[in-house]
Amino acid sequence: MFVNLILVVCCLLLFWCYVSRQQAICRQENAIRQVIDVVPDILVFIKDPKGNFIYVNQAMCEHFGKTEKDFLQSSPFLLEEDNSVLQNGTVEQDFKAINGRFFSTVKVPLKDHRGEVQGIAFIWKDVSNLKIEQAKYSYILSLAMTNPSICPQA
């Protein structure tokens, strides 16, 4: 009888530890989501190895005019370069022009405790304003180079 009571108490303690851990994980996930959602010019989304969206942040939804549910229920797809990240497990960086905006993009393989890729995190930083400033600078520089009277030498 005493052994059964100890087993029941141990099971309850294990269950309590499991529930507490799950609650802590949920709190951490919620905190991370809140932080990612307040950054307006960074689009973040995560896909599983089959190409299903499993997370999109608020900026992603706003940029494409869709809801999180729209993304999560969309048909799965992966680009050829996405497959490369999944197969090689390496980070890839690139620039993309989408909907009239310029993005610096990073694809990060998400690995489990065994080092196996379980998905891809996509992080797109809107660099449109930087591109505009670079274009202005290039234009001014080209004017100065072709017309020395604009920018006299010291």
N, C-alpha and C. Protein backbone atom coordinates (compact mmCIF):
# COMPACT_ATOMS: atom_id res chain seq x y z
N MET A 1 0.82 -1.20 0.00
CA MET A 1 0.00 0.00 0.00
C MET A 1 0.86 1.26 0.00
N PHE A 2 1.89 1.26 0.86
CA PHE A 2 2.78 2.41 0.97
C PHE A 2 3.54 2.63 -0.35
N VAL A 3 3.97 1.55 -1.02
CA VAL A 3 4.67 1.63 -2.29
C VAL A 3 3.76 2.22 -3.35
N ASN A 4 2.49 1.82 -3.36
CA ASN A 4 1.52 2.36 -4.32
C ASN A 4 1.34 3.85 -4.11
N LEU A 5 1.29 4.28 -2.86
CA LEU A 5 1.13 5.70 -2.55
C LEU A 5 2.34 6.48 -3.06
N ILE A 6 3.53 5.94 -2.85
CA ILE A 6 4.75 6.59 -3.33
C ILE A 6 4.74 6.69 -4.86
N LEU A 7 4.32 5.62 -5.53
CA LEU A 7 4.24 5.64 -6.99
C LEU A 7 3.24 6.69 -7.48
N VAL A 8 2.11 6.79 -6.83
CA VAL A 8 1.10 7.80 -7.20
C VAL A 8 1.67 9.20 -7.00
N VAL A 9 2.32 9.43 -5.86
CA VAL A 9 2.92 10.74 -5.59
C VAL A 9 3.99 11.06 -6.63
N CYS A 10 4.84 10.09 -6.95
CA CYS A 10 5.87 10.29 -7.98
C CYS A 10 5.25 10.61 -9.33
N CYS A 11 4.22 9.91 -9.69
CA CYS A 11 3.52 10.17 -10.96
C CYS A 11 2.93 11.58 -10.97
N LEU A 12 2.33 11.98 -9.86
CA LEU A 12 1.76 13.33 -9.76
C LEU A 12 2.86 14.38 -9.87
N LEU A 13 4.00 14.14 -9.22
CA LEU A 13 5.11 15.08 -9.30
C LEU A 13 5.64 15.18 -10.73
N LEU A 14 5.79 14.04 -11.40
CA LEU A 14 6.24 14.05 -12.79
C LEU A 14 5.25 14.80 -13.68
N PHE A 15 3.98 14.54 -13.48
CA PHE A 15 2.95 15.23 -14.26
C PHE A 15 3.00 16.73 -14.00
N TRP A 16 3.14 17.11 -12.72
CA TRP A 16 3.21 18.53 -12.37
C TRP A 16 4.43 19.17 -13.03
N CYS A 17 5.58 18.47 -13.01
CA CYS A 17 6.79 18.98 -13.66
C CYS A 17 6.57 19.15 -15.16
N TYR A 18 5.92 18.17 -15.77
CA TYR A 18 5.63 18.24 -17.21
C TYR A 18 4.73 19.44 -17.52
N VAL A 19 3.65 19.59 -16.75
CA VAL A 19 2.72 20.71 -16.97
C VAL A 19 3.44 22.04 -16.75
N SER A 20 4.23 22.12 -15.70
CA SER A 20 4.97 23.36 -15.42
C SER A 20 5.92 23.69 -16.57
N ARG A 21 6.59 22.67 -17.07
CA ARG A 21 7.52 22.87 -18.19
C ARG A 21 6.78 23.32 -19.44
N GLN A 22 5.63 22.70 -19.71
CA GLN A 22 4.84 23.10 -20.87
C GLN A 22 4.36 24.54 -20.73
N GLN A 23 3.95 24.92 -19.55
CA GLN A 23 3.51 26.29 -19.32
C GLN A 23 4.66 27.27 -19.51
N ALA A 24 5.85 26.91 -19.03
CA ALA A 24 7.02 27.75 -19.21
C ALA A 24 7.35 27.90 -20.69
N ILE A 25 7.27 26.81 -21.43
CA ILE A 25 7.53 26.85 -22.87
C ILE A 25 6.51 27.76 -23.56
N CYS A 26 5.26 27.66 -23.19
CA CYS A 26 4.21 28.51 -23.78
C CYS A 26 4.47 29.98 -23.47
N ARG A 27 4.89 30.28 -22.24
CA ARG A 27 5.20 31.66 -21.87
C ARG A 27 6.37 32.18 -22.69
N GLN A 28 7.41 31.36 -22.86
CA GLN A 28 8.56 31.77 -23.65
C GLN A 28 8.17 32.00 -25.10
N GLU A 29 7.39 31.09 -25.66
CA GLU A 29 6.95 31.23 -27.05
C GLU A 29 6.13 32.50 -27.22
N ASN A 30 5.24 32.77 -26.27
CA ASN A 30 4.41 33.96 -26.34
C ASN A 30 5.27 35.22 -26.26
N ALA A 31 6.26 35.22 -25.39
CA ALA A 31 7.15 36.38 -25.26
C ALA A 31 7.93 36.61 -26.55
N ILE A 32 8.44 35.54 -27.14
CA ILE A 32 9.19 35.66 -28.40
C ILE A 32 8.28 36.19 -29.51
N ARG A 33 7.06 35.67 -29.58
CA ARG A 33 6.12 36.16 -30.60
C ARG A 33 5.85 37.66 -30.44
N GLN A 34 5.66 38.10 -29.19
CA GLN A 34 5.40 39.52 -28.94
C GLN A 34 6.56 40.39 -29.39
N VAL A 35 7.78 39.94 -29.12
CA VAL A 35 8.95 40.71 -29.52
C VAL A 35 9.06 40.76 -31.04
N ILE A 36 8.90 39.63 -31.69
CA ILE A 36 9.02 39.58 -33.15
C ILE A 36 7.92 40.39 -33.82
N ASP A 37 6.73 40.42 -33.24
CA ASP A 37 5.61 41.12 -33.87
C ASP A 37 5.70 42.64 -33.77
N VAL A 38 6.50 43.19 -32.84
CA VAL A 38 6.56 44.65 -32.72
C VAL A 38 7.58 45.29 -33.64
N VAL A 39 8.39 44.48 -34.31
CA VAL A 39 9.38 45.02 -35.24
C VAL A 39 8.71 45.15 -36.60
N PRO A 40 8.41 46.38 -37.03
CA PRO A 40 7.58 46.56 -38.23
C PRO A 40 8.26 46.26 -39.56
N ASP A 41 9.58 46.38 -39.65
CA ASP A 41 10.22 46.22 -40.96
C ASP A 41 10.97 44.91 -41.11
N ILE A 42 10.65 43.93 -40.26
CA ILE A 42 11.25 42.61 -40.38
C ILE A 42 10.14 41.58 -40.52
N LEU A 43 10.16 40.88 -41.65
CA LEU A 43 9.19 39.81 -41.90
C LEU A 43 9.82 38.49 -41.47
N VAL A 44 9.10 37.74 -40.65
CA VAL A 44 9.61 36.46 -40.16
C VAL A 44 8.56 35.40 -40.42
N PHE A 45 9.00 34.28 -40.99
CA PHE A 45 8.10 33.14 -41.11
C PHE A 45 8.90 31.86 -41.02
N ILE A 46 8.23 30.80 -40.61
CA ILE A 46 8.86 29.50 -40.45
C ILE A 46 8.05 28.48 -41.23
N LYS A 47 8.79 27.60 -41.93
CA LYS A 47 8.16 26.51 -42.68
C LYS A 47 8.71 25.18 -42.20
N ASP A 48 7.87 24.16 -42.28
CA ASP A 48 8.35 22.82 -41.98
C ASP A 48 9.04 22.26 -43.23
N PRO A 49 9.66 21.08 -43.15
CA PRO A 49 10.38 20.54 -44.31
C PRO A 49 9.51 20.26 -45.54
N LYS A 50 8.20 20.20 -45.37
CA LYS A 50 7.31 19.98 -46.52
C LYS A 50 6.87 21.28 -47.17
N GLY A 51 7.23 22.43 -46.56
CA GLY A 51 6.86 23.71 -47.13
C GLY A 51 5.62 24.33 -46.53
N ASN A 52 5.08 23.75 -45.47
CA ASN A 52 3.91 24.33 -44.79
C ASN A 52 4.36 25.47 -43.87
N PHE A 53 3.63 26.58 -43.92
CA PHE A 53 3.89 27.65 -42.96
C PHE A 53 3.48 27.16 -41.58
N ILE A 54 4.36 27.36 -40.60
CA ILE A 54 3.98 27.02 -39.23
C ILE A 54 4.02 28.25 -38.33
N TYR A 55 4.58 29.36 -38.85
CA TYR A 55 4.56 30.63 -38.12
C TYR A 55 4.77 31.76 -39.10
N VAL A 56 4.03 32.85 -38.93
CA VAL A 56 4.27 34.10 -39.64
C VAL A 56 4.07 35.23 -38.65
N ASN A 57 4.90 36.27 -38.74
CA ASN A 57 4.71 37.39 -37.83
C ASN A 57 3.75 38.42 -38.42
N GLN A 58 3.40 39.39 -37.61
CA GLN A 58 2.40 40.39 -38.00
C GLN A 58 2.84 41.20 -39.21
N ALA A 59 4.13 41.56 -39.27
CA ALA A 59 4.64 42.35 -40.40
C ALA A 59 4.49 41.58 -41.71
N MET A 60 4.68 40.28 -41.67
CA MET A 60 4.51 39.43 -42.86
C MET A 60 3.06 39.50 -43.33
N CYS A 61 2.14 39.38 -42.39
CA CYS A 61 0.71 39.43 -42.73
C CYS A 61 0.36 40.79 -43.34
N GLU A 62 0.84 41.86 -42.72
CA GLU A 62 0.53 43.21 -43.21
C GLU A 62 1.13 43.46 -44.59
N HIS A 63 2.36 43.00 -44.81
CA HIS A 63 3.01 43.24 -46.10
C HIS A 63 2.26 42.57 -47.24
N PHE A 64 1.78 41.36 -47.02
CA PHE A 64 1.10 40.63 -48.08
C PHE A 64 -0.42 40.75 -48.01
N GLY A 65 -0.94 41.49 -47.03
CA GLY A 65 -2.39 41.68 -46.92
C GLY A 65 -3.15 40.40 -46.63
N LYS A 66 -2.54 39.52 -45.82
CA LYS A 66 -3.17 38.25 -45.47
C LYS A 66 -3.20 38.11 -43.96
N THR A 67 -3.99 37.17 -43.50
CA THR A 67 -4.01 36.85 -42.08
C THR A 67 -3.06 35.69 -41.81
N GLU A 68 -2.73 35.48 -40.55
CA GLU A 68 -1.90 34.34 -40.19
C GLU A 68 -2.58 33.05 -40.62
N LYS A 69 -3.89 33.01 -40.45
CA LYS A 69 -4.65 31.82 -40.83
C LYS A 69 -4.53 31.55 -42.34
N ASP A 70 -4.55 32.63 -43.15
CA ASP A 70 -4.39 32.47 -44.61
C ASP A 70 -3.08 31.75 -44.93
N PHE A 71 -2.00 32.18 -44.28
CA PHE A 71 -0.70 31.56 -44.53
C PHE A 71 -0.70 30.11 -44.05
N LEU A 72 -1.18 29.90 -42.82
CA LEU A 72 -1.12 28.56 -42.24
C LEU A 72 -1.96 27.55 -43.01
N GLN A 73 -3.00 28.04 -43.70
CA GLN A 73 -3.87 27.13 -44.45
C GLN A 73 -3.52 27.08 -45.94
N SER A 74 -2.48 27.80 -46.35
CA SER A 74 -2.11 27.81 -47.77
C SER A 74 -1.43 26.50 -48.15
N SER A 75 -1.38 26.26 -49.45
CA SER A 75 -0.73 25.04 -49.96
C SER A 75 0.76 25.10 -49.69
N PRO A 76 1.35 23.99 -49.32
CA PRO A 76 2.79 23.98 -49.04
C PRO A 76 3.60 24.18 -50.31
N PHE A 77 4.71 24.89 -50.18
CA PHE A 77 5.64 25.02 -51.30
C PHE A 77 7.02 25.35 -50.77
N LEU A 78 8.02 24.88 -51.49
CA LEU A 78 9.42 25.21 -51.21
C LEU A 78 10.08 25.60 -52.51
N LEU A 79 10.94 26.58 -52.45
CA LEU A 79 11.73 26.96 -53.61
C LEU A 79 12.98 26.07 -53.66
N GLU A 80 13.64 26.05 -54.79
CA GLU A 80 14.83 25.21 -54.92
C GLU A 80 15.87 25.57 -53.87
N GLU A 81 16.03 26.88 -53.63
CA GLU A 81 17.02 27.30 -52.63
C GLU A 81 16.62 26.90 -51.21
N ASP A 82 15.30 26.77 -50.97
CA ASP A 82 14.83 26.30 -49.66
C ASP A 82 15.26 24.85 -49.45
N ASN A 83 15.15 24.05 -50.49
CA ASN A 83 15.58 22.66 -50.40
C ASN A 83 17.07 22.55 -50.10
N SER A 84 17.84 23.49 -50.64
CA SER A 84 19.28 23.51 -50.38
C SER A 84 19.54 23.73 -48.89
N VAL A 85 18.80 24.63 -48.28
CA VAL A 85 18.95 24.89 -46.84
C VAL A 85 18.57 23.64 -46.05
N LEU A 86 17.48 22.99 -46.46
CA LEU A 86 17.04 21.78 -45.76
C LEU A 86 18.06 20.65 -45.88
N GLN A 87 18.61 20.48 -47.07
CA GLN A 87 19.53 19.37 -47.30
C GLN A 87 20.92 19.62 -46.73
N ASN A 88 21.42 20.85 -46.87
CA ASN A 88 22.78 21.15 -46.43
C ASN A 88 22.84 21.66 -44.99
N GLY A 89 21.70 22.17 -44.50
CA GLY A 89 21.68 22.69 -43.14
C GLY A 89 22.51 23.94 -42.96
N THR A 90 22.65 24.72 -44.05
CA THR A 90 23.47 25.93 -43.99
C THR A 90 22.61 27.18 -44.09
N VAL A 91 23.11 28.27 -43.53
CA VAL A 91 22.43 29.56 -43.60
C VAL A 91 22.67 30.16 -44.98
N GLU A 92 21.63 30.75 -45.56
CA GLU A 92 21.78 31.42 -46.85
C GLU A 92 21.30 32.85 -46.73
N GLN A 93 22.03 33.77 -47.38
CA GLN A 93 21.66 35.18 -47.40
C GLN A 93 21.49 35.63 -48.84
N ASP A 94 20.57 36.61 -49.03
CA ASP A 94 20.27 37.06 -50.38
C ASP A 94 19.57 38.42 -50.30
N PHE A 95 19.31 39.03 -51.45
CA PHE A 95 18.47 40.22 -51.56
C PHE A 95 17.32 39.90 -52.48
N LYS A 96 16.13 40.40 -52.15
CA LYS A 96 14.96 40.16 -52.98
C LYS A 96 14.18 41.46 -53.14
N ALA A 97 13.57 41.62 -54.30
CA ALA A 97 12.65 42.73 -54.55
C ALA A 97 11.25 42.13 -54.63
N ILE A 98 10.39 42.53 -53.71
CA ILE A 98 9.04 41.97 -53.64
C ILE A 98 8.04 43.10 -53.40
N ASN A 99 7.03 43.16 -54.24
CA ASN A 99 5.98 44.17 -54.11
C ASN A 99 6.54 45.59 -53.99
N GLY A 100 7.56 45.89 -54.78
CA GLY A 100 8.13 47.24 -54.79
C GLY A 100 9.01 47.56 -53.60
N ARG A 101 9.35 46.58 -52.77
CA ARG A 101 10.20 46.79 -51.61
C ARG A 101 11.44 45.90 -51.76
N PHE A 102 12.53 46.31 -51.14
CA PHE A 102 13.76 45.54 -51.18
C PHE A 102 14.01 44.90 -49.82
N PHE A 103 14.40 43.63 -49.84
CA PHE A 103 14.63 42.89 -48.59
C PHE A 103 16.00 42.22 -48.60
N SER A 104 16.67 42.32 -47.46
CA SER A 104 17.84 41.50 -47.19
C SER A 104 17.27 40.25 -46.53
N THR A 105 17.56 39.10 -47.09
CA THR A 105 16.93 37.87 -46.59
C THR A 105 17.95 36.91 -46.01
N VAL A 106 17.51 36.19 -44.99
CA VAL A 106 18.32 35.14 -44.38
C VAL A 106 17.43 33.93 -44.19
N LYS A 107 17.96 32.78 -44.56
CA LYS A 107 17.26 31.50 -44.33
C LYS A 107 18.10 30.70 -43.36
N VAL A 108 17.48 30.33 -42.25
CA VAL A 108 18.21 29.63 -41.19
C VAL A 108 17.60 28.25 -40.99
N PRO A 109 18.41 27.20 -41.10
CA PRO A 109 17.86 25.86 -40.83
C PRO A 109 17.58 25.72 -39.33
N LEU A 110 16.43 25.17 -38.99
CA LEU A 110 16.07 24.93 -37.60
C LEU A 110 16.32 23.46 -37.30
N LYS A 111 17.25 23.20 -36.39
CA LYS A 111 17.67 21.83 -36.13
C LYS A 111 17.18 21.35 -34.77
N ASP A 112 16.92 20.06 -34.70
CA ASP A 112 16.51 19.47 -33.42
C ASP A 112 17.76 19.11 -32.60
N HIS A 113 17.55 18.48 -31.47
CA HIS A 113 18.66 18.14 -30.57
C HIS A 113 19.66 17.15 -31.18
N ARG A 114 19.28 16.47 -32.24
CA ARG A 114 20.18 15.55 -32.94
C ARG A 114 20.91 16.23 -34.10
N GLY A 115 20.60 17.50 -34.34
CA GLY A 115 21.23 18.22 -35.44
C GLY A 115 20.54 18.05 -36.77
N GLU A 116 19.37 17.43 -36.78
CA GLU A 116 18.62 17.22 -38.02
C GLU A 116 17.71 18.42 -38.28
N VAL A 117 17.70 18.86 -39.53
CA VAL A 117 16.89 20.03 -39.90
C VAL A 117 15.41 19.68 -39.85
N GLN A 118 14.66 20.46 -39.09
CA GLN A 118 13.22 20.24 -38.92
C GLN A 118 12.38 21.33 -39.57
N GLY A 119 13.03 22.36 -40.09
CA GLY A 119 12.31 23.45 -40.73
C GLY A 119 13.27 24.56 -41.10
N ILE A 120 12.71 25.64 -41.61
CA ILE A 120 13.50 26.80 -42.02
C ILE A 120 12.85 28.05 -41.46
N ALA A 121 13.67 28.91 -40.85
CA ALA A 121 13.22 30.24 -40.45
C ALA A 121 13.67 31.22 -41.53
N PHE A 122 12.74 32.02 -41.98
CA PHE A 122 13.02 33.04 -43.00
C PHE A 122 12.93 34.40 -42.32
N ILE A 123 13.96 35.21 -42.48
CA ILE A 123 13.98 36.54 -41.88
C ILE A 123 14.27 37.52 -43.00
N TRP A 124 13.32 38.40 -43.24
CA TRP A 124 13.45 39.40 -44.30
C TRP A 124 13.47 40.78 -43.67
N LYS A 125 14.56 41.52 -43.86
CA LYS A 125 14.68 42.89 -43.35
C LYS A 125 14.42 43.84 -44.49
N ASP A 126 13.45 44.73 -44.31
CA ASP A 126 13.12 45.71 -45.34
C ASP A 126 14.23 46.75 -45.40
N VAL A 127 14.95 46.78 -46.51
CA VAL A 127 16.06 47.72 -46.69
C VAL A 127 15.74 48.73 -47.80
N SER A 128 14.46 48.93 -48.05
CA SER A 128 14.04 49.83 -49.14
C SER A 128 14.55 51.24 -48.93
N ASN A 129 14.43 51.76 -47.71
CA ASN A 129 14.89 53.13 -47.45
C ASN A 129 16.40 53.25 -47.64
N LEU A 130 17.14 52.22 -47.25
CA LEU A 130 18.58 52.20 -47.46
C LEU A 130 18.90 52.21 -48.95
N LYS A 131 18.16 51.43 -49.73
CA LYS A 131 18.37 51.40 -51.19
C LYS A 131 18.09 52.77 -51.80
N ILE A 132 17.06 53.45 -51.33
CA ILE A 132 16.73 54.78 -51.84
C ILE A 132 17.87 55.75 -51.52
N GLU A 133 18.37 55.70 -50.29
CA GLU A 133 19.47 56.59 -49.90
C GLU A 133 20.73 56.28 -50.71
N GLN A 134 21.00 55.00 -50.97
CA GLN A 134 22.15 54.63 -51.80
C GLN A 134 22.00 55.18 -53.21
N ALA A 135 20.79 55.11 -53.75
CA ALA A 135 20.55 55.63 -55.10
C ALA A 135 20.77 57.14 -55.14
N LYS A 136 20.30 57.84 -54.11
CA LYS A 136 20.50 59.30 -54.04
C LYS A 136 21.99 59.62 -53.98
N TYR A 137 22.71 58.90 -53.13
CA TYR A 137 24.14 59.12 -52.98
C TYR A 137 24.87 58.87 -54.30
N SER A 138 24.52 57.79 -54.98
CA SER A 138 25.14 57.48 -56.27
C SER A 138 24.86 58.56 -57.29
N TYR A 139 23.63 59.08 -57.28
CA TYR A 139 23.25 60.13 -58.22
C TYR A 139 24.06 61.40 -57.95
N ILE A 140 24.14 61.78 -56.69
CA ILE A 140 24.89 62.99 -56.32
C ILE A 140 26.37 62.81 -56.66
N LEU A 141 26.89 61.64 -56.39
CA LEU A 141 28.29 61.36 -56.70
C LEU A 141 28.54 61.43 -58.20
N SER A 142 27.62 60.89 -58.99
CA SER A 142 27.81 60.93 -60.45
C SER A 142 27.72 62.37 -60.96
N LEU A 143 26.83 63.19 -60.36
CA LEU A 143 26.76 64.60 -60.74
C LEU A 143 28.07 65.31 -60.42
N ALA A 144 28.60 65.03 -59.24
CA ALA A 144 29.85 65.68 -58.82
C ALA A 144 31.00 65.27 -59.72
N MET A 145 31.01 64.03 -60.15
CA MET A 145 32.10 63.54 -61.00
C MET A 145 32.01 64.12 -62.41
N THR A 146 30.81 64.34 -62.90
CA THR A 146 30.65 64.85 -64.27
C THR A 146 30.63 66.37 -64.34
N ASN A 147 30.41 67.02 -63.21
CA ASN A 147 30.35 68.47 -63.19
C ASN A 147 31.15 68.97 -61.99
N PRO A 148 32.46 69.17 -62.15
CA PRO A 148 33.33 69.55 -61.04
C PRO A 148 32.93 70.87 -60.36
N SER A 149 32.22 71.75 -61.06
CA SER A 149 31.84 73.02 -60.43
C SER A 149 30.84 72.84 -59.31
N ILE A 150 30.13 71.72 -59.30
CA ILE A 150 29.17 71.44 -58.22
C ILE A 150 29.91 71.18 -56.93
N CYS A 151 31.01 70.48 -57.03
CA CYS A 151 31.76 70.07 -55.85
C CYS A 151 33.23 70.44 -56.08
N PRO A 152 33.59 71.72 -55.83
CA PRO A 152 34.97 72.13 -56.10
C PRO A 152 35.95 71.40 -55.16
N GLN A 153 37.13 71.14 -55.71
CA GLN A 153 38.14 70.45 -54.91
C GLN A 153 38.77 71.44 -53.95
N ALA A 154 39.17 70.94 -52.81
CA ALA A 154 39.76 71.81 -51.78
C ALA A 154 41.20 72.13 -52.09
